[in-house]
Amino acid sequence: MYAQLIDDEAGVTLASAHSKEITVGEPKISKGDSLLKKDISFQLGKLIAKKAVAKKIKQVVFDRGGYKYCGRVKALAEGAREGGLEF
């Protein structure tokens, strides 16, 4: 899963994060379990928020790219909000 902050007017990517950057440690659930995927998505949201705050970005528009707002997409958004981003 990817998350990007893009300035549409300038056509520039301001920050990006990938789920491979997340270290979960030793999970008690298997890698295919949806709970683990949601946890990784939540942590990815927090990571992209951390990168945004470092660049003094606080407000963003959340574009879910046509995906429903549930599951991993929702977890990503909740992590970003907890990390300090405002949608």
C-alpha atoms as a PDB file:
ATOM      1  CA  MET A   1       0.000   0.000   0.000  1.00  0.00           C
ATOM      2  CA  TYR A   2       1.206   3.482  -0.891  1.00  0.00           C
ATOM      3  CA  ALA A   3       0.331   6.907   0.455  1.00  0.00           C
ATOM      4  CA  GLN A   4       1.370  10.103  -1.273  1.00  0.00           C
ATOM      5  CA  LEU A   5       0.995  13.817  -0.704  1.00  0.00           C
ATOM      6  CA  ILE A   6       0.692  15.513  -4.084  1.00  0.00           C
ATOM      7  CA  ASP A   7       0.409  19.181  -4.986  1.00  0.00           C
ATOM      8  CA  ASP A   8      -2.035  18.912  -7.902  1.00  0.00           C
ATOM      9  CA  GLU A   9      -1.502  22.489  -9.052  1.00  0.00           C
ATOM     10  CA  ALA A  10       2.268  22.121  -9.355  1.00  0.00           C
ATOM     11  CA  GLY A  11       2.174  18.422 -10.255  1.00  0.00           C
ATOM     12  CA  VAL A  12       4.744  17.573  -7.580  1.00  0.00           C
ATOM     13  CA  THR A  13       4.849  14.746  -5.046  1.00  0.00           C
ATOM     14  CA  LEU A  14       5.570  16.331  -1.658  1.00  0.00           C
ATOM     15  CA  ALA A  15       5.953  13.129   0.356  1.00  0.00           C
ATOM     16  CA  SER A  16       5.316   9.425  -0.030  1.00  0.00           C
ATOM     17  CA  ALA A  17       5.303   6.299   2.100  1.00  0.00           C
ATOM     18  CA  HIS A  18       5.030   2.588   1.387  1.00  0.00           C
ATOM     19  CA  SER A  19       3.872  -0.209   3.642  1.00  0.00           C
ATOM     20  CA  LYS A  20       7.291  -1.860   3.256  1.00  0.00           C
ATOM     21  CA  GLU A  21       8.694   0.970   5.388  1.00  0.00           C
ATOM     22  CA  ILE A  22       6.601  -0.241   8.338  1.00  0.00           C
ATOM     23  CA  THR A  23       8.151  -2.656  10.823  1.00  0.00           C
ATOM     24  CA  VAL A  24       5.541  -4.517  12.828  1.00  0.00           C
ATOM     25  CA  GLY A  25       7.867  -6.669  14.900  1.00  0.00           C
ATOM     26  CA  GLU A  26       6.823 -10.213  15.688  1.00  0.00           C
ATOM     27  CA  PRO A  27       3.099 -10.390  14.978  1.00  0.00           C
ATOM     28  CA  LYS A  28       1.022 -13.102  16.607  1.00  0.00           C
ATOM     29  CA  ILE A  29      -1.192 -13.284  13.547  1.00  0.00           C
ATOM     30  CA  SER A  30      -0.312 -14.616  10.127  1.00  0.00           C
ATOM     31  CA  LYS A  31       0.772 -12.238   7.380  1.00  0.00           C
ATOM     32  CA  GLY A  32      -2.398 -12.849   5.377  1.00  0.00           C
ATOM     33  CA  ASP A  33      -4.682 -11.852   8.242  1.00  0.00           C
ATOM     34  CA  SER A  34      -6.743  -8.736   7.560  1.00  0.00           C
ATOM     35  CA  LEU A  35      -6.138  -7.439  11.100  1.00  0.00           C
ATOM     36  CA  LEU A  36      -2.421  -7.260  10.409  1.00  0.00           C
ATOM     37  CA  LYS A  37      -3.062  -5.482   7.100  1.00  0.00           C
ATOM     38  CA  LYS A  38      -5.267  -2.926   8.852  1.00  0.00           C
ATOM     39  CA  ASP A  39      -2.594  -2.377  11.508  1.00  0.00           C
ATOM     40  CA  ILE A  40       0.040  -1.822   8.830  1.00  0.00           C
ATOM     41  CA  SER A  41      -2.299   0.601   7.032  1.00  0.00           C
ATOM     42  CA  PHE A  42      -2.862   2.501  10.281  1.00  0.00           C
ATOM     43  CA  GLN A  43       0.900   2.756  10.840  1.00  0.00           C
ATOM     44  CA  LEU A  44       1.327   3.873   7.222  1.00  0.00           C
ATOM     45  CA  GLY A  45      -1.132   6.696   7.890  1.00  0.00           C
ATOM     46  CA  LYS A  46       0.885   7.763  10.901  1.00  0.00           C
ATOM     47  CA  LEU A  47       4.100   7.617   8.851  1.00  0.00           C
ATOM     48  CA  ILE A  48       2.770   9.799   6.022  1.00  0.00           C
ATOM     49  CA  ALA A  49       1.436  12.234   8.624  1.00  0.00           C
ATOM     50  CA  LYS A  50       4.863  12.382  10.267  1.00  0.00           C
ATOM     51  CA  LYS A  51       6.473  13.160   6.905  1.00  0.00           C
ATOM     52  CA  ALA A  52       3.832  15.803   6.188  1.00  0.00           C
ATOM     53  CA  VAL A  53       4.220  17.510   9.553  1.00  0.00           C
ATOM     54  CA  ALA A  54       8.002  17.575   9.014  1.00  0.00           C
ATOM     55  CA  LYS A  55       7.324  19.585   5.834  1.00  0.00           C
ATOM     56  CA  LYS A  56       4.868  21.814   7.709  1.00  0.00           C
ATOM     57  CA  ILE A  57       1.800  20.365   5.966  1.00  0.00           C
ATOM     58  CA  LYS A  58      -1.228  19.997   8.228  1.00  0.00           C
ATOM     59  CA  GLN A  59      -4.271  20.069   5.940  1.00  0.00           C
ATOM     60  CA  VAL A  60      -4.811  17.626   3.092  1.00  0.00           C
ATOM     61  CA  VAL A  61      -7.591  16.337   0.872  1.00  0.00           C
ATOM     62  CA  PHE A  62      -8.020  12.580   1.229  1.00  0.00           C
ATOM     63  CA  ASP A  63      -8.461  10.964  -2.189  1.00  0.00           C
ATOM     64  CA  ARG A  64      -9.208   7.305  -1.762  1.00  0.00           C
ATOM     65  CA  GLY A  65      -8.835   6.637  -5.474  1.00  0.00           C
ATOM     66  CA  GLY A  66     -12.248   5.095  -5.953  1.00  0.00           C
ATOM     67  CA  TYR A  67     -11.853   2.602  -3.119  1.00  0.00           C
ATOM     68  CA  LYS A  68     -14.609   2.321  -0.517  1.00  0.00           C
ATOM     69  CA  TYR A  69     -13.955   4.034   2.820  1.00  0.00           C
ATOM     70  CA  CYS A  70     -13.642   0.873   4.886  1.00  0.00           C
ATOM     71  CA  GLY A  71     -11.015  -1.616   5.979  1.00  0.00           C
ATOM     72  CA  ARG A  72      -7.452  -0.664   5.123  1.00  0.00           C
ATOM     73  CA  VAL A  73      -8.398   2.683   3.542  1.00  0.00           C
ATOM     74  CA  LYS A  74     -10.216   3.700   6.708  1.00  0.00           C
ATOM     75  CA  ALA A  75      -7.293   2.510   8.865  1.00  0.00           C
ATOM     76  CA  LEU A  76      -4.884   4.610   6.786  1.00  0.00           C
ATOM     77  CA  ALA A  77      -7.065   7.700   7.230  1.00  0.00           C
ATOM     78  CA  GLU A  78      -7.422   7.143  10.981  1.00  0.00           C
ATOM     79  CA  GLY A  79      -3.645   6.757  11.338  1.00  0.00           C
ATOM     80  CA  ALA A  80      -3.048   9.956   9.375  1.00  0.00           C
ATOM     81  CA  ARG A  81      -5.521  11.837  11.568  1.00  0.00           C
ATOM     82  CA  GLU A  82      -3.867  10.503  14.710  1.00  0.00           C
ATOM     83  CA  GLY A  83      -0.526  11.596  13.284  1.00  0.00           C
ATOM     84  CA  GLY A  84      -1.743  15.182  13.007  1.00  0.00           C
ATOM     85  CA  LEU A  85      -3.226  15.595   9.525  1.00  0.00           C
ATOM     86  CA  GLU A  86      -6.558  17.335   9.041  1.00  0.00           C
ATOM     87  CA  PHE A  87      -8.804  16.244   6.189  1.00  0.00           C
END
